[in-house]
Amino acid sequence: MRPLISVSVLSLILCLAYALPTFADQTLMEATFDDKAIDQPIGTGGAIVGEPDYVTPEIEAIVRSAPFGTPCLEIHNTHATLNRSVWFSLPGASISSGLVVIILDIWLTGSGPGWEPYCEIYNENNQALTYFRFQADGTIAVGSGDGPIYVPSFPVGRHLPVLFAIDMDADTYSAWFDAIECVTDAPLERAGSDLKKIWFLTGSNCDPDNRYSIDKIRVIDWMPDDIAVEPVSWGQIRALYR
C-alpha cells in the first residue's frame, strides 16, 4: 500500500510549518521603574528604557519606594493654576487594529476641587480615545463616544489596579477598576483612529498633599487571565468600599 503522503511531501510541509511566522502575545510597552534610582526625578528616555517621553516642567515626577513597596512614580503638580502632565508614547508605529490592553496600578491620596487626577489615552495627534478621571465628588468619570460613564466610587490610600481592553477594529473598549468590569463595550470617543500615547495628568491645585503614584504600566495585545470577566452590579461595586 502506498502512503497517503510521501516522505518528501511530508518533509516539505514540516519545513513550511517551521518557516511560518508565529504570532505570540506581545508586550508593546512597559514601565515598572524597578531599575530607577529612588528619590530621583524620572528620566525622559521614552518607553524603550521604561520612562516617559515628556514631563511638564512644573511637574515633580519622582521615583519613590512607597507606597507600593516597589519603585513607583510619584506625580505632583507644583503650578498653582495650570493642569500639567506626564506622558508615555508607544515605541514604533501607532496601533490602529487588533486588541490593545492597557494595565496599570495607581495609588491615590484623594481628590477635591482643582485636584482631579486623570489619565487620557491618545492617538498620535494628541486626540483622546478615552480617559478616566477621579473626580472631586468621589466618582470616576470614564470617557466614551456616548458621553461620560460614571463609576460611583474609588478607593483612596491603597493600590487600585486599572485595565482597559480596547478593540481597535470595533472602536469599543471595556474597563476594569479593582478587577471589576465597570464599563463593557463602550464606544471610543474617536472612531477609526490609532492609539499611541498615555497621559497622566493632574488638576491645578498644587497643595503638597495633592500627589498620586503609578506603577507597572503595561500595554499588551492579549487579555490576561487574572481579572474579573463578568460585569457586576453597581450595588456590588459600592459594597467594596463600605
Protein backbone atom coordinates (compact mmCIF):
# COMPACT_ATOMS: atom_id res chain seq x y z
CA MET A 1 0.00 0.00 0.00
CA ARG A 2 1.36 3.43 -0.93
CA PRO A 3 1.49 6.03 1.84
CA LEU A 4 -1.11 8.81 1.64
CA ILE A 5 1.66 11.43 1.85
CA SER A 6 5.12 10.78 0.57
CA VAL A 7 8.15 11.38 2.78
CA SER A 8 9.28 14.26 0.57
CA VAL A 9 5.90 15.98 0.71
CA LEU A 10 5.71 15.48 4.48
CA SER A 11 9.19 16.97 4.85
CA LEU A 12 8.13 19.99 2.80
CA ILE A 13 5.05 20.53 4.97
CA LEU A 14 7.15 20.37 8.14
CA CYS A 15 9.68 22.81 6.71
CA LEU A 16 6.94 25.28 5.79
CA ALA A 17 5.36 24.97 9.23
CA TYR A 18 8.63 25.87 10.94
CA ALA A 19 9.29 28.69 8.46
CA LEU A 20 5.94 30.41 9.01
CA PRO A 21 6.00 33.31 11.50
CA THR A 22 4.45 32.74 14.90
CA PHE A 23 2.16 35.36 16.39
CA ALA A 24 2.99 35.22 20.08
CA ASP A 25 1.48 37.57 22.63
CA GLN A 26 3.41 40.83 22.62
CA THR A 27 4.24 43.43 25.22
CA LEU A 28 4.05 46.72 23.34
CA MET A 29 5.24 48.95 26.19
CA GLU A 30 6.28 48.50 29.80
CA ALA A 31 7.35 50.85 32.59
CA THR A 32 7.87 49.33 36.05
CA PHE A 33 10.51 51.78 37.45
CA ASP A 34 12.25 48.89 39.24
CA ASP A 35 15.66 49.83 37.81
CA LYS A 36 15.35 53.55 38.54
CA ALA A 37 17.15 55.47 41.29
CA ILE A 38 14.96 56.08 44.34
CA ASP A 39 14.06 59.67 45.29
CA GLN A 40 15.33 60.97 41.95
CA PRO A 41 13.40 62.61 39.09
CA ILE A 42 12.41 60.18 36.38
CA GLY A 43 14.27 60.47 33.08
CA THR A 44 12.57 61.08 29.74
CA GLY A 45 14.28 58.45 27.64
CA GLY A 46 11.00 57.03 26.43
CA ALA A 47 9.33 53.66 26.63
CA ILE A 48 12.35 51.81 25.30
CA VAL A 49 14.01 52.41 28.69
CA GLY A 50 10.80 52.32 30.75
CA GLU A 51 10.49 56.11 31.09
CA PRO A 52 8.05 58.79 29.94
CA ASP A 53 8.72 60.74 26.78
CA TYR A 54 7.94 64.06 28.39
CA VAL A 55 7.32 65.61 31.81
CA THR A 56 5.85 69.10 32.01
CA PRO A 57 8.41 71.39 33.74
CA GLU A 58 6.04 72.20 36.63
CA ILE A 59 5.54 68.50 37.40
CA GLU A 60 7.61 66.76 40.04
CA ALA A 61 7.82 63.15 38.79
CA ILE A 62 9.96 61.36 41.37
CA VAL A 63 10.74 57.66 41.70
CA ARG A 64 9.77 56.51 45.21
CA SER A 65 9.95 53.25 47.15
CA ALA A 66 6.47 53.83 48.61
CA PRO A 67 3.54 53.47 48.74
CA PHE A 68 3.57 50.28 46.64
CA GLY A 69 6.60 48.72 48.30
CA THR A 70 8.42 48.56 44.97
CA PRO A 71 9.77 51.51 42.96
CA CYS A 72 6.96 53.61 41.52
CA LEU A 73 6.46 57.07 40.06
CA GLU A 74 5.03 59.85 42.24
CA ILE A 75 3.38 62.72 40.37
CA HIS A 76 2.90 66.18 41.89
CA ASN A 77 1.94 69.42 40.16
CA THR A 78 3.79 72.45 41.60
CA HIS A 79 1.91 75.01 39.47
CA ALA A 80 -0.98 76.80 41.17
CA THR A 81 -3.17 77.47 38.13
CA LEU A 82 -2.30 75.10 35.29
CA ASN A 83 -3.02 71.43 34.68
CA ARG A 84 0.17 69.50 33.95
CA SER A 85 1.09 66.06 32.65
CA VAL A 86 3.48 63.15 32.29
CA TRP A 87 3.12 61.18 29.07
CA PHE A 88 4.33 57.89 27.67
CA SER A 89 4.44 57.05 23.97
CA LEU A 90 4.42 53.57 22.49
CA PRO A 91 7.68 52.83 20.66
CA GLY A 92 7.38 52.36 16.92
CA ALA A 93 4.23 52.92 14.91
CA SER A 94 0.88 53.74 16.46
CA ILE A 95 -1.70 50.94 16.71
CA SER A 96 -4.82 51.05 14.56
CA SER A 97 -6.13 47.47 14.61
CA GLY A 98 -6.48 44.47 16.88
CA LEU A 99 -6.72 44.31 20.65
CA VAL A 100 -4.81 46.72 22.87
CA VAL A 101 -4.84 46.15 26.64
CA ILE A 102 -3.54 48.87 28.96
CA ILE A 103 -2.77 47.80 32.54
CA LEU A 104 -1.50 49.98 35.38
CA ASP A 105 -1.52 50.38 39.13
CA ILE A 106 -2.45 53.67 40.74
CA TRP A 107 -2.42 54.88 44.35
CA LEU A 108 -4.49 57.94 45.19
CA THR A 109 -4.24 60.22 48.20
CA GLY A 110 -7.65 61.68 47.39
CA SER A 111 -9.32 64.21 45.10
CA GLY A 112 -11.02 67.55 45.52
CA PRO A 113 -11.72 70.92 43.88
CA GLY A 114 -8.91 71.67 41.46
CA TRP A 115 -7.33 68.29 42.15
CA GLU A 116 -8.72 65.51 40.00
CA PRO A 117 -6.02 63.09 38.84
CA TYR A 118 -6.77 61.53 35.49
CA CYS A 119 -5.38 59.55 32.58
CA GLU A 120 -6.06 60.07 28.89
CA ILE A 121 -5.39 57.59 26.08
CA TYR A 122 -4.44 59.47 22.92
CA ASN A 123 -3.78 58.92 19.26
CA GLU A 124 -0.64 60.19 17.54
CA ASN A 125 -2.22 63.64 17.07
CA ASN A 126 -3.00 64.04 20.81
CA GLN A 127 -6.72 63.40 20.35
CA ALA A 128 -8.39 61.40 23.10
CA LEU A 129 -9.83 57.92 22.50
CA THR A 130 -10.99 57.63 26.12
CA TYR A 131 -9.99 58.75 29.62
CA PHE A 132 -10.66 58.15 33.29
CA ARG A 133 -10.81 60.92 35.89
CA PHE A 134 -11.00 60.62 39.69
CA GLN A 135 -13.47 63.38 40.44
CA ALA A 136 -13.94 65.61 43.46
CA ASP A 137 -17.37 64.08 44.14
CA GLY A 138 -15.81 60.64 44.65
CA THR A 139 -16.82 59.14 41.31
CA ILE A 140 -14.70 58.03 38.35
CA ALA A 141 -15.69 59.63 35.04
CA VAL A 142 -14.81 57.41 32.07
CA GLY A 143 -14.92 58.93 28.58
CA SER A 144 -16.95 57.35 25.78
CA GLY A 145 -18.45 58.33 22.44
CA ASP A 146 -21.85 58.49 24.17
CA GLY A 147 -20.62 60.83 26.90
CA PRO A 148 -19.06 60.15 30.30
CA ILE A 149 -19.79 56.91 32.13
CA TYR A 150 -19.66 57.24 35.91
CA VAL A 151 -18.26 54.62 38.28
CA PRO A 152 -19.77 55.50 41.68
CA SER A 153 -16.69 55.34 43.91
CA PHE A 154 -12.97 54.64 44.14
CA PRO A 155 -10.61 53.65 46.96
CA VAL A 156 -8.11 56.07 48.48
CA GLY A 157 -4.93 55.14 50.29
CA ARG A 158 -4.43 51.75 48.71
CA HIS A 159 -3.46 50.02 45.49
CA LEU A 160 -6.04 50.33 42.69
CA PRO A 161 -5.46 48.16 39.59
CA VAL A 162 -6.81 49.54 36.30
CA LEU A 163 -7.27 47.71 33.00
CA PHE A 164 -8.61 48.98 29.67
CA ALA A 165 -9.23 46.48 26.84
CA ILE A 166 -9.60 48.37 23.56
CA ASP A 167 -10.89 46.74 20.37
CA MET A 168 -9.38 48.97 17.70
CA ASP A 169 -11.37 47.25 14.93
CA ALA A 170 -14.77 47.66 16.62
CA ASP A 171 -13.90 51.09 18.12
CA THR A 172 -15.08 49.93 21.55
CA TYR A 173 -13.49 49.32 24.95
CA SER A 174 -14.19 47.73 28.31
CA ALA A 175 -12.69 48.92 31.60
CA TRP A 176 -11.90 47.25 34.90
CA PHE A 177 -11.26 49.08 38.18
CA ASP A 178 -10.21 46.96 41.15
CA ALA A 179 -10.65 43.82 38.98
CA ILE A 180 -14.34 44.64 38.44
CA GLU A 181 -15.66 45.20 34.94
CA CYS A 182 -17.29 48.62 35.27
CA VAL A 183 -17.59 49.51 31.55
CA THR A 184 -18.48 47.00 28.84
CA ASP A 185 -18.11 47.55 25.09
CA ALA A 186 -18.49 51.33 25.24
CA PRO A 187 -17.77 53.30 22.06
CA LEU A 188 -14.48 55.17 21.88
CA GLU A 189 -14.64 58.95 21.77
CA ARG A 190 -12.89 58.90 18.38
CA ALA A 191 -13.71 56.09 15.95
CA GLY A 192 -11.36 54.90 13.21
CA SER A 193 -8.31 56.30 14.99
CA ASP A 194 -4.97 54.96 16.20
CA LEU A 195 -3.50 54.57 19.68
CA LYS A 196 -0.11 55.99 20.56
CA LYS A 197 0.13 57.77 23.94
CA ILE A 198 -0.89 57.52 27.58
CA TRP A 199 -1.01 60.78 29.50
CA PHE A 200 -1.17 61.11 33.29
CA LEU A 201 -2.49 64.49 34.36
CA THR A 202 -3.25 66.50 37.49
CA GLY A 203 -5.57 69.27 38.43
CA SER A 204 -4.24 72.78 39.09
CA ASN A 205 -4.38 72.65 42.90
CA CYS A 206 -0.71 72.38 43.88
CA ASP A 207 -1.18 71.60 47.58
CA PRO A 208 1.75 69.41 48.74
CA ASP A 209 -0.68 66.65 49.72
CA ASN A 210 -2.07 66.50 46.19
CA ARG A 211 0.06 63.81 44.65
CA TYR A 212 -0.51 60.30 43.35
CA SER A 213 1.60 57.32 42.35
CA ILE A 214 1.59 55.00 39.33
CA ASP A 215 3.36 51.70 38.74
CA LYS A 216 3.61 48.68 36.44
CA ILE A 217 2.31 50.32 33.29
CA ARG A 218 1.96 47.73 30.54
CA VAL A 219 0.49 47.79 27.04
CA ILE A 220 -0.08 44.31 25.61
CA ASP A 221 -2.03 42.69 22.78
CA TRP A 222 -3.72 39.90 24.72
CA MET A 223 -6.23 39.61 27.54
CA PRO A 224 -4.73 38.41 30.84
CA ASP A 225 -6.50 35.63 32.70
CA ASP A 226 -6.28 37.03 36.22
CA ILE A 227 -9.06 39.63 36.06
CA ALA A 228 -12.80 39.53 36.57
CA VAL A 229 -14.57 38.57 33.35
CA GLU A 230 -18.20 39.21 34.27
CA PRO A 231 -19.81 42.61 34.86
CA VAL A 232 -21.26 43.21 38.32
CA SER A 233 -23.98 45.48 39.63
CA TRP A 234 -23.38 48.98 40.98
CA GLY A 235 -24.54 47.66 44.36
CA GLN A 236 -21.74 45.11 44.38
CA ILE A 237 -19.23 47.80 43.43
CA ARG A 238 -20.41 50.12 46.22
CA ALA A 239 -20.19 47.30 48.73
CA LEU A 240 -16.46 47.01 48.11
CA TYR A 241 -15.83 50.48 49.54
CA ARG A 242 -18.06 50.44 52.62
